[in-house]
Amino acid sequence: MDEALIFLVFAGSVAAVLGTLWWLATRVRRRGIGGEVMGPFEEMWHPAAHRFRAEIRVQETRTVPMPPQGGKRNGHNGNGGALTPDLG
């Protein structure tokens, strides 16, 4: 009887930990904040995902932000470099 109780407690503990990790993973994926929270677990089970995430970070740092639409760029008057003056 004691052995069955020990097994049930152990199985329940493992199920609780796995359920918590599953819940955390779905929440993190939904919000898009998963790199820092789930990174160590993902690295253990899927090392290629860690390398992929590092490559994404590198590409994000290389991306040049677009200038605001309709605003002046580099001192130009915003008329697309046309030869006519901006009358507005």
PDB file of N, CA and C in Angstrom:
ATOM      1  N   MET A   1       0.823  -1.198   0.000  1.00  0.00           N
ATOM      2  CA  MET A   1       0.000   0.000   0.000  1.00  0.00           C
ATOM      3  C   MET A   1       0.861   1.253   0.000  1.00  0.00           C
ATOM      4  N   ASP A   2       1.937   1.241   0.807  1.00  0.00           N
ATOM      5  CA  ASP A   2       2.813   2.401   0.882  1.00  0.00           C
ATOM      6  C   ASP A   2       3.528   2.646  -0.448  1.00  0.00           C
ATOM      7  N   GLU A   3       3.884   1.558  -1.125  1.00  0.00           N
ATOM      8  CA  GLU A   3       4.580   1.693  -2.409  1.00  0.00           C
ATOM      9  C   GLU A   3       3.678   2.335  -3.455  1.00  0.00           C
ATOM     10  N   ALA A   4       2.408   1.995  -3.440  1.00  0.00           N
ATOM     11  CA  ALA A   4       1.467   2.586  -4.390  1.00  0.00           C
ATOM     12  C   ALA A   4       1.279   4.075  -4.110  1.00  0.00           C
ATOM     13  N   LEU A   5       1.248   4.440  -2.848  1.00  0.00           N
ATOM     14  CA  LEU A   5       1.106   5.846  -2.476  1.00  0.00           C
ATOM     15  C   LEU A   5       2.334   6.651  -2.903  1.00  0.00           C
ATOM     16  N   ILE A   6       3.512   6.073  -2.702  1.00  0.00           N
ATOM     17  CA  ILE A   6       4.749   6.744  -3.125  1.00  0.00           C
ATOM     18  C   ILE A   6       4.753   6.927  -4.640  1.00  0.00           C
ATOM     19  N   PHE A   7       4.346   5.896  -5.369  1.00  0.00           N
ATOM     20  CA  PHE A   7       4.291   5.989  -6.824  1.00  0.00           C
ATOM     21  C   PHE A   7       3.292   7.057  -7.273  1.00  0.00           C
ATOM     22  N   LEU A   8       2.135   7.116  -6.634  1.00  0.00           N
ATOM     23  CA  LEU A   8       1.135   8.125  -6.998  1.00  0.00           C
ATOM     24  C   LEU A   8       1.627   9.547  -6.716  1.00  0.00           C
ATOM     25  N   VAL A   9       2.300   9.747  -5.616  1.00  0.00           N
ATOM     26  CA  VAL A   9       2.846  11.068  -5.295  1.00  0.00           C
ATOM     27  C   VAL A   9       3.909  11.454  -6.317  1.00  0.00           C
ATOM     28  N   PHE A  10       4.787  10.519  -6.659  1.00  0.00           N
ATOM     29  CA  PHE A  10       5.828  10.785  -7.642  1.00  0.00           C
ATOM     30  C   PHE A  10       5.225  11.097  -9.010  1.00  0.00           C
ATOM     31  N   ALA A  11       4.276  10.272  -9.448  1.00  0.00           N
ATOM     32  CA  ALA A  11       3.637  10.485 -10.751  1.00  0.00           C
ATOM     33  C   ALA A  11       2.872  11.808 -10.771  1.00  0.00           C
ATOM     34  N   GLY A  12       2.216  12.124  -9.669  1.00  0.00           N
ATOM     35  CA  GLY A  12       1.506  13.398  -9.591  1.00  0.00           C
ATOM     36  C   GLY A  12       2.446  14.591  -9.638  1.00  0.00           C
ATOM     37  N   SER A  13       3.594  14.467  -8.996  1.00  0.00           N
ATOM     38  CA  SER A  13       4.581  15.554  -9.017  1.00  0.00           C
ATOM     39  C   SER A  13       5.130  15.762 -10.420  1.00  0.00           C
ATOM     40  N   VAL A  14       5.461  14.674 -11.097  1.00  0.00           N
ATOM     41  CA  VAL A  14       5.968  14.784 -12.470  1.00  0.00           C
ATOM     42  C   VAL A  14       4.898  15.384 -13.381  1.00  0.00           C
ATOM     43  N   ALA A  15       3.666  14.936 -13.224  1.00  0.00           N
ATOM     44  CA  ALA A  15       2.580  15.472 -14.043  1.00  0.00           C
ATOM     45  C   ALA A  15       2.371  16.960 -13.762  1.00  0.00           C
ATOM     46  N   ALA A  16       2.489  17.375 -12.515  1.00  0.00           N
ATOM     47  CA  ALA A  16       2.319  18.792 -12.180  1.00  0.00           C
ATOM     48  C   ALA A  16       3.417  19.647 -12.802  1.00  0.00           C
ATOM     49  N   VAL A  17       4.663  19.166 -12.755  1.00  0.00           N
ATOM     50  CA  VAL A  17       5.771  19.918 -13.355  1.00  0.00           C
ATOM     51  C   VAL A  17       5.594  20.010 -14.866  1.00  0.00           C
ATOM     52  N   LEU A  18       5.273  18.884 -15.509  1.00  0.00           N
ATOM     53  CA  LEU A  18       5.073  18.899 -16.957  1.00  0.00           C
ATOM     54  C   LEU A  18       3.875  19.757 -17.354  1.00  0.00           C
ATOM     55  N   GLY A  19       2.811  19.705 -16.588  1.00  0.00           N
ATOM     56  CA  GLY A  19       1.648  20.545 -16.874  1.00  0.00           C
ATOM     57  C   GLY A  19       1.963  22.022 -16.736  1.00  0.00           C
ATOM     58  N   THR A  20       2.754  22.372 -15.729  1.00  0.00           N
ATOM     59  CA  THR A  20       3.145  23.769 -15.541  1.00  0.00           C
ATOM     60  C   THR A  20       4.018  24.243 -16.699  1.00  0.00           C
ATOM     61  N   LEU A  21       4.960  23.417 -17.128  1.00  0.00           N
ATOM     62  CA  LEU A  21       5.807  23.785 -18.264  1.00  0.00           C
ATOM     63  C   LEU A  21       4.988  23.914 -19.546  1.00  0.00           C
ATOM     64  N   TRP A  22       4.020  23.029 -19.747  1.00  0.00           N
ATOM     65  CA  TRP A  22       3.160  23.109 -20.932  1.00  0.00           C
ATOM     66  C   TRP A  22       2.347  24.401 -20.912  1.00  0.00           C
ATOM     67  N   TRP A  23       1.775  24.742 -19.757  1.00  0.00           N
ATOM     68  CA  TRP A  23       1.004  25.966 -19.630  1.00  0.00           C
ATOM     69  C   TRP A  23       1.886  27.188 -19.874  1.00  0.00           C
ATOM     70  N   LEU A  24       3.077  27.187 -19.322  1.00  0.00           N
ATOM     71  CA  LEU A  24       3.996  28.302 -19.506  1.00  0.00           C
ATOM     72  C   LEU A  24       4.405  28.433 -20.974  1.00  0.00           C
ATOM     73  N   ALA A  25       4.647  27.308 -21.640  1.00  0.00           N
ATOM     74  CA  ALA A  25       5.032  27.342 -23.050  1.00  0.00           C
ATOM     75  C   ALA A  25       3.921  27.910 -23.924  1.00  0.00           C
ATOM     76  N   THR A  26       2.679  27.515 -23.680  1.00  0.00           N
ATOM     77  CA  THR A  26       1.589  28.051 -24.491  1.00  0.00           C
ATOM     78  C   THR A  26       1.389  29.542 -24.233  1.00  0.00           C
ATOM     79  N   ARG A  27       1.531  29.958 -22.999  1.00  0.00           N
ATOM     80  CA  ARG A  27       1.383  31.375 -22.668  1.00  0.00           C
ATOM     81  C   ARG A  27       2.497  32.215 -23.291  1.00  0.00           C
ATOM     82  N   VAL A  28       3.713  31.690 -23.242  1.00  0.00           N
ATOM     83  CA  VAL A  28       4.856  32.412 -23.789  1.00  0.00           C
ATOM     84  C   VAL A  28       4.751  32.512 -25.301  1.00  0.00           C
ATOM     85  N   ARG A  29       4.346  31.445 -25.966  1.00  0.00           N
ATOM     86  CA  ARG A  29       4.203  31.483 -27.422  1.00  0.00           C
ATOM     87  C   ARG A  29       3.107  32.456 -27.839  1.00  0.00           C
ATOM     88  N   ARG A  30       2.037  32.492 -27.091  1.00  0.00           N
ATOM     89  CA  ARG A  30       0.928  33.384 -27.413  1.00  0.00           C
ATOM     90  C   ARG A  30       1.353  34.846 -27.303  1.00  0.00           C
ATOM     91  N   ARG A  31       2.167  35.155 -26.311  1.00  0.00           N
ATOM     92  CA  ARG A  31       2.593  36.538 -26.095  1.00  0.00           C
ATOM     93  C   ARG A  31       3.876  36.889 -26.821  1.00  0.00           C
ATOM     94  N   GLY A  32       4.608  35.897 -27.298  1.00  0.00           N
ATOM     95  CA  GLY A  32       5.828  36.159 -28.035  1.00  0.00           C
ATOM     96  C   GLY A  32       7.007  36.581 -27.174  1.00  0.00           C
ATOM     97  N   ILE A  33       7.065  36.135 -25.925  1.00  0.00           N
ATOM     98  CA  ILE A  33       8.145  36.534 -25.033  1.00  0.00           C
ATOM     99  C   ILE A  33       8.956  35.334 -24.579  1.00  0.00           C
ATOM    100  N   GLY A  34       9.020  34.318 -25.405  1.00  0.00           N
ATOM    101  CA  GLY A  34       9.533  33.043 -24.934  1.00  0.00           C
ATOM    102  C   GLY A  34      11.014  32.846 -24.862  1.00  0.00           C
ATOM    103  N   GLY A  35      11.826  33.652 -25.506  1.00  0.00           N
ATOM    104  CA  GLY A  35      13.243  33.375 -25.564  1.00  0.00           C
ATOM    105  C   GLY A  35      13.915  33.290 -24.215  1.00  0.00           C
ATOM    106  N   GLU A  36      13.609  34.188 -23.330  1.00  0.00           N
ATOM    107  CA  GLU A  36      14.293  34.234 -22.050  1.00  0.00           C
ATOM    108  C   GLU A  36      13.732  33.227 -21.057  1.00  0.00           C
ATOM    109  N   VAL A  37      12.450  32.959 -21.134  1.00  0.00           N
ATOM    110  CA  VAL A  37      11.820  32.076 -20.151  1.00  0.00           C
ATOM    111  C   VAL A  37      12.010  30.603 -20.516  1.00  0.00           C
ATOM    112  N   MET A  38      11.679  30.256 -21.741  1.00  0.00           N
ATOM    113  CA  MET A  38      11.719  28.855 -22.146  1.00  0.00           C
ATOM    114  C   MET A  38      13.023  28.472 -22.837  1.00  0.00           C
ATOM    115  N   GLY A  39      13.935  29.404 -23.001  1.00  0.00           N
ATOM    116  CA  GLY A  39      15.190  29.133 -23.699  1.00  0.00           C
ATOM    117  C   GLY A  39      15.985  27.967 -23.164  1.00  0.00           C
ATOM    118  N   PRO A  40      16.237  27.890 -21.859  1.00  0.00           N
ATOM    119  CA  PRO A  40      17.028  26.758 -21.351  1.00  0.00           C
ATOM    120  C   PRO A  40      16.370  25.398 -21.580  1.00  0.00           C
ATOM    121  N   PHE A  41      15.055  25.315 -21.431  1.00  0.00           N
ATOM    122  CA  PHE A  41      14.371  24.043 -21.645  1.00  0.00           C
ATOM    123  C   PHE A  41      14.381  23.664 -23.122  1.00  0.00           C
ATOM    124  N   GLU A  42      14.180  24.675 -23.985  1.00  0.00           N
ATOM    125  CA  GLU A  42      14.188  24.399 -25.416  1.00  0.00           C
ATOM    126  C   GLU A  42      15.584  23.993 -25.871  1.00  0.00           C
ATOM    127  N   GLU A  43      16.603  24.590 -25.281  1.00  0.00           N
ATOM    128  CA  GLU A  43      17.972  24.247 -25.647  1.00  0.00           C
ATOM    129  C   GLU A  43      18.306  22.808 -25.263  1.00  0.00           C
ATOM    130  N   MET A  44      17.757  22.335 -24.146  1.00  0.00           N
ATOM    131  CA  MET A  44      17.999  20.949 -23.737  1.00  0.00           C
ATOM    132  C   MET A  44      17.369  19.958 -24.709  1.00  0.00           C
ATOM    133  N   TRP A  45      16.147  20.237 -25.119  1.00  0.00           N
ATOM    134  CA  TRP A  45      15.408  19.262 -25.905  1.00  0.00           C
ATOM    135  C   TRP A  45      15.546  19.476 -27.403  1.00  0.00           C
ATOM    136  N   HIS A  46      15.888  20.694 -27.825  1.00  0.00           N
ATOM    137  CA  HIS A  46      15.951  20.991 -29.259  1.00  0.00           C
ATOM    138  C   HIS A  46      17.050  22.028 -29.508  1.00  0.00           C
ATOM    139  N   PRO A  47      18.316  21.600 -29.558  1.00  0.00           N
ATOM    140  CA  PRO A  47      19.432  22.547 -29.693  1.00  0.00           C
ATOM    141  C   PRO A  47      19.387  23.375 -30.968  1.00  0.00           C
ATOM    142  N   ALA A  48      18.808  22.850 -32.043  1.00  0.00           N
ATOM    143  CA  ALA A  48      18.730  23.612 -33.291  1.00  0.00           C
ATOM    144  C   ALA A  48      17.849  24.847 -33.119  1.00  0.00           C
ATOM    145  N   ALA A  49      16.860  24.778 -32.256  1.00  0.00           N
ATOM    146  CA  ALA A  49      15.993  25.936 -32.016  1.00  0.00           C
ATOM    147  C   ALA A  49      16.771  27.067 -31.360  1.00  0.00           C
ATOM    148  N   HIS A  50      17.715  26.719 -30.501  1.00  0.00           N
ATOM    149  CA  HIS A  50      18.549  27.741 -29.862  1.00  0.00           C
ATOM    150  C   HIS A  50      19.403  28.454 -30.908  1.00  0.00           C
ATOM    151  N   ARG A  51      19.995  27.704 -31.820  1.00  0.00           N
ATOM    152  CA  ARG A  51      20.801  28.322 -32.876  1.00  0.00           C
ATOM    153  C   ARG A  51      19.932  29.173 -33.796  1.00  0.00           C
ATOM    154  N   PHE A  52      18.730  28.716 -34.099  1.00  0.00           N
ATOM    155  CA  PHE A  52      17.812  29.468 -34.947  1.00  0.00           C
ATOM    156  C   PHE A  52      17.421  30.786 -34.279  1.00  0.00           C
ATOM    157  N   ARG A  53      17.151  30.748 -32.978  1.00  0.00           N
ATOM    158  CA  ARG A  53      16.775  31.960 -32.250  1.00  0.00           C
ATOM    159  C   ARG A  53      17.932  32.959 -32.228  1.00  0.00           C
ATOM    160  N   ALA A  54      19.169  32.457 -32.105  1.00  0.00           N
ATOM    161  CA  ALA A  54      20.337  33.340 -32.134  1.00  0.00           C
ATOM    162  C   ALA A  54      20.481  33.981 -33.505  1.00  0.00           C
ATOM    163  N   GLU A  55      20.219  33.242 -34.566  1.00  0.00           N
ATOM    164  CA  GLU A  55      20.283  33.805 -35.920  1.00  0.00           C
ATOM    165  C   GLU A  55      19.214  34.875 -36.127  1.00  0.00           C
ATOM    166  N   ILE A  56      18.029  34.648 -35.598  1.00  0.00           N
ATOM    167  CA  ILE A  56      16.956  35.649 -35.699  1.00  0.00           C
ATOM    168  C   ILE A  56      17.376  36.931 -34.992  1.00  0.00           C
ATOM    169  N   ARG A  57      17.991  36.814 -33.810  1.00  0.00           N
ATOM    170  CA  ARG A  57      18.453  38.001 -33.085  1.00  0.00           C
ATOM    171  C   ARG A  57      19.473  38.786 -33.893  1.00  0.00           C
ATOM    172  N   VAL A  58      20.389  38.077 -34.562  1.00  0.00           N
ATOM    173  CA  VAL A  58      21.402  38.743 -35.384  1.00  0.00           C
ATOM    174  C   VAL A  58      20.740  39.468 -36.550  1.00  0.00           C
ATOM    175  N   GLN A  59      19.772  38.835 -37.190  1.00  0.00           N
ATOM    176  CA  GLN A  59      19.087  39.469 -38.314  1.00  0.00           C
ATOM    177  C   GLN A  59      18.285  40.685 -37.863  1.00  0.00           C
ATOM    178  N   GLU A  60      17.698  40.640 -36.685  1.00  0.00           N
ATOM    179  CA  GLU A  60      16.946  41.788 -36.188  1.00  0.00           C
ATOM    180  C   GLU A  60      17.851  42.984 -35.937  1.00  0.00           C
ATOM    181  N   THR A  61      19.083  42.735 -35.507  1.00  0.00           N
ATOM    182  CA  THR A  61      20.000  43.851 -35.271  1.00  0.00           C
ATOM    183  C   THR A  61      20.505  44.442 -36.577  1.00  0.00           C
ATOM    184  N   ARG A  62      20.509  43.662 -37.641  1.00  0.00           N
ATOM    185  CA  ARG A  62      20.944  44.158 -38.944  1.00  0.00           C
ATOM    186  C   ARG A  62      19.864  44.943 -39.671  1.00  0.00           C
ATOM    187  N   THR A  63      18.633  44.801 -39.306  1.00  0.00           N
ATOM    188  CA  THR A  63      17.531  45.452 -39.998  1.00  0.00           C
ATOM    189  C   THR A  63      17.585  46.958 -39.779  1.00  0.00           C
ATOM    190  N   VAL A  64      17.524  47.706 -40.877  1.00  0.00           N
ATOM    191  CA  VAL A  64      17.527  49.164 -40.806  1.00  0.00           C
ATOM    192  C   VAL A  64      16.079  49.621 -40.682  1.00  0.00           C
ATOM    193  N   PRO A  65      15.771  50.457 -39.697  1.00  0.00           N
ATOM    194  CA  PRO A  65      14.390  50.921 -39.565  1.00  0.00           C
ATOM    195  C   PRO A  65      13.988  51.823 -40.728  1.00  0.00           C
ATOM    196  N   MET A  66      12.764  51.689 -41.153  1.00  0.00           N
ATOM    197  CA  MET A  66      12.235  52.505 -42.252  1.00  0.00           C
ATOM    198  C   MET A  66      11.943  53.915 -41.751  1.00  0.00           C
ATOM    199  N   PRO A  67      12.148  54.928 -42.592  1.00  0.00           N
ATOM    200  CA  PRO A  67      11.813  56.296 -42.183  1.00  0.00           C
ATOM    201  C   PRO A  67      10.304  56.457 -42.076  1.00  0.00           C
ATOM    202  N   PRO A  68       9.847  57.400 -41.280  1.00  0.00           N
ATOM    203  CA  PRO A  68       8.401  57.597 -41.152  1.00  0.00           C
ATOM    204  C   PRO A  68       7.783  58.032 -42.478  1.00  0.00           C
ATOM    205  N   GLN A  69       6.604  57.526 -42.751  1.00  0.00           N
ATOM    206  CA  GLN A  69       5.914  57.867 -43.995  1.00  0.00           C
ATOM    207  C   GLN A  69       5.433  59.309 -43.968  1.00  0.00           C
ATOM    208  N   GLY A  70       5.639  60.012 -45.071  1.00  0.00           N
ATOM    209  CA  GLY A  70       5.145  61.377 -45.181  1.00  0.00           C
ATOM    210  C   GLY A  70       6.037  62.409 -44.520  1.00  0.00           C
ATOM    211  N   GLY A  71       7.095  61.986 -43.869  1.00  0.00           N
ATOM    212  CA  GLY A  71       7.994  62.918 -43.203  1.00  0.00           C
ATOM    213  C   GLY A  71       9.143  63.316 -44.103  1.00  0.00           C
ATOM    214  N   LYS A  72       9.896  64.304 -43.686  1.00  0.00           N
ATOM    215  CA  LYS A  72      11.057  64.738 -44.452  1.00  0.00           C
ATOM    216  C   LYS A  72      12.205  63.761 -44.203  1.00  0.00           C
ATOM    217  N   ARG A  73      12.950  63.466 -45.272  1.00  0.00           N
ATOM    218  CA  ARG A  73      14.070  62.548 -45.171  1.00  0.00           C
ATOM    219  C   ARG A  73      15.334  63.237 -45.665  1.00  0.00           C
ATOM    220  N   ASN A  74      16.366  63.190 -44.893  1.00  0.00           N
ATOM    221  CA  ASN A  74      17.685  63.677 -45.280  1.00  0.00           C
ATOM    222  C   ASN A  74      17.655  65.115 -45.779  1.00  0.00           C
ATOM    223  N   GLY A  75      16.825  65.938 -45.233  1.00  0.00           N
ATOM    224  CA  GLY A  75      16.787  67.336 -45.613  1.00  0.00           C
ATOM    225  C   GLY A  75      15.999  67.626 -46.873  1.00  0.00           C
ATOM    226  N   HIS A  76      15.450  66.623 -47.517  1.00  0.00           N
ATOM    227  CA  HIS A  76      14.649  66.852 -48.719  1.00  0.00           C
ATOM    228  C   HIS A  76      13.262  67.327 -48.313  1.00  0.00           C
ATOM    229  N   ASN A  77      12.571  67.947 -49.274  1.00  0.00           N
ATOM    230  CA  ASN A  77      11.265  68.510 -48.960  1.00  0.00           C
ATOM    231  C   ASN A  77      10.134  67.502 -49.044  1.00  0.00           C
ATOM    232  N   GLY A  78      10.419  66.270 -49.325  1.00  0.00           N
ATOM    233  CA  GLY A  78       9.386  65.236 -49.306  1.00  0.00           C
ATOM    234  C   GLY A  78       8.612  65.085 -50.588  1.00  0.00           C
ATOM    235  N   ASN A  79       9.012  65.820 -51.679  1.00  0.00           N
ATOM    236  CA  ASN A  79       8.268  65.682 -52.928  1.00  0.00           C
ATOM    237  C   ASN A  79       8.909  64.664 -53.872  1.00  0.00           C
ATOM    238  N   GLY A  80       9.713  63.769 -53.311  1.00  0.00           N
ATOM    239  CA  GLY A  80      10.272  62.670 -54.085  1.00  0.00           C
ATOM    240  C   GLY A  80      11.430  63.098 -54.973  1.00  0.00           C
ATOM    241  N   GLY A  81      12.038  64.226 -54.730  1.00  0.00           N
ATOM    242  CA  GLY A  81      13.167  64.663 -55.525  1.00  0.00           C
ATOM    243  C   GLY A  81      12.760  65.267 -56.855  1.00  0.00           C
ATOM    244  N   ALA A  82      11.505  65.641 -57.020  1.00  0.00           N
ATOM    245  CA  ALA A  82      11.052  66.250 -58.260  1.00  0.00           C
ATOM    246  C   ALA A  82      11.674  67.640 -58.397  1.00  0.00           C
ATOM    247  N   LEU A  83      11.693  68.135 -59.628  1.00  0.00           N
ATOM    248  CA  LEU A  83      12.307  69.421 -59.892  1.00  0.00           C
ATOM    249  C   LEU A  83      11.409  70.600 -59.524  1.00  0.00           C
ATOM    250  N   THR A  84      10.130  70.341 -59.318  1.00  0.00           N
ATOM    251  CA  THR A  84       9.219  71.432 -58.969  1.00  0.00           C
ATOM    252  C   THR A  84       9.306  71.704 -57.473  1.00  0.00           C
ATOM    253  N   PRO A  85       9.212  72.936 -57.057  1.00  0.00           N
ATOM    254  CA  PRO A  85       9.297  73.249 -55.621  1.00  0.00           C
ATOM    255  C   PRO A  85       8.047  72.786 -54.895  1.00  0.00           C
ATOM    256  N   ASP A  86       8.198  72.565 -53.633  1.00  0.00           N
ATOM    257  CA  ASP A  86       7.085  72.173 -52.780  1.00  0.00           C
ATOM    258  C   ASP A  86       6.304  73.420 -52.412  1.00  0.00           C
ATOM    259  N   LEU A  87       5.065  73.533 -52.865  1.00  0.00           N
ATOM    260  CA  LEU A  87       4.258  74.721 -52.624  1.00  0.00           C
ATOM    261  C   LEU A  87       3.356  74.582 -51.412  1.00  0.00           C
ATOM    262  N   GLY A  88       3.404  73.470 -50.759  1.00  0.00           N
ATOM    263  CA  GLY A  88       2.488  73.238 -49.653  1.00  0.00           C
ATOM    264  C   GLY A  88       3.059  73.430 -48.369  1.00  0.00           C
TER     265      GLY A  88
END
